Amino acid sequence: MSAADVRPRFVLAANQGELGGGEVMLLATAQVLQRFGLDVSVIAPARPALVVEAAAARGLPTIPLPGATRRGYLAALARWRLRHPAVPLWCHGLAPALATAGIGPRLVHLHQLPRRWHRRAAALASWRAARVLVPSHHVAARVPGAEVLENWTAEVPFAPSRRAPGTPFTVGFLGRLTRDKGVDVLARAMAHVAAEHEVRLLLAGETRFGRPDEAAALEAALRDVEGITERPGWMARDAFFAAVDLAVFPSSAPESFGLVAAEAMAAGVPFVISDAGALPEVAGPDHPWVARHGEAEDLARVLARALEELRQGDEQRAHRARERWQREYSPQAGEARVARMLSGLAAPAHGERRGDR
């Protein structure tokens, strides 16, 4: 084995085989590390294989681990770690961090705010970690010892809304259609707005209800606005932004970050947010349209004000938003943050090749 065969290595461990927000950031991080010249691999469940397939599509080497259940995957991850304790491991999520707690050099990256019993699990999972990373100051204030590494987006084309004069405003939501995301609050707010303004509501996303009673409550709220509502299912981000005049992200539960708000900022699409969790942090202190979370009347007030202001034009706000995105949440900004974080760490261990698994 020549010196050229050995490069600093990092392995990134996924929380699950499905592609959620944390897994999207894992893939983005892996690509950044690869651009830095590191030998990068991605560990994820063999089934479901969405993370493995997405990593392979990006040219990232993968280590699929067996396990018909989540517990089986984490047991396989723990066994892998015991065989390779010297490899720097970046654990994306609480589960892989817990499965490898205390073993070898690790970064623990918590993409969600730990709640209830997860707080104790997070403390154990972080034992002997070189860094505990979280996506926002909102989360860092609630996770002792955490360091902020804000998320970033992929490239997003700048395409501000261009509503034809005299046509209804399309207000749009993209995400999981749940009460945590504030969809029931949005429905009640839109009923108020529609009484005074000519509007349409575009609900783009998947319905994932936790309980039958929650599903019933959400559907009841949506019945009040069914005459103005379109529900196309999931939409690609760029198609959604092209279809709306005003986006709204009215989460009722605290958000750990707010990636879709950052994407709207990049696109120059105007958007209303709630004050849940890190959403105001992402949008910035000068964002004009912030409603109190869980309050339909306040959301209706903010939506109506946004519509009135948009009638006067949005060019300056759109360009300021794009500039903030470029500075804070663009791929270049994310890469610079990762570089700064890594500069404070010892160089990843040398000596293992990809074949040494």
Foldseek 3Di string as FASTA:
>chain_A
DDPVQKFFEEEEEEQAQDDDPLLVQSLLVQVLVVVVVHQYEYEYAPPVHNSVVVNVVVVHHYDHFYDPDSVRSLLRLLVVCVLPQQFEYEYRDLSNLLSPFPGHEYEAEHADQQDDPVLVSNVRSCHPYPAYEAADVLSPVVRPRHDYQHAFDEQAAAAEADDDPPAAFEEEEAEEQFVQQVLLLQLLLVLVLVVPGRYAYEYEEHYDYPDPVRVVSNVVSNVSVVVRYDYPYHDDLNVRLHPGQEYERQGQAAHRACHSLLNCLQRLRHYAYEPHHCPCVSQDPPRDHYFHHPHSNRNSVSVNVVVVVCVVPRVVVSVVSNVSSVCPHYSVNSSVSVVVVCVPDDGRDMDDGPVSD
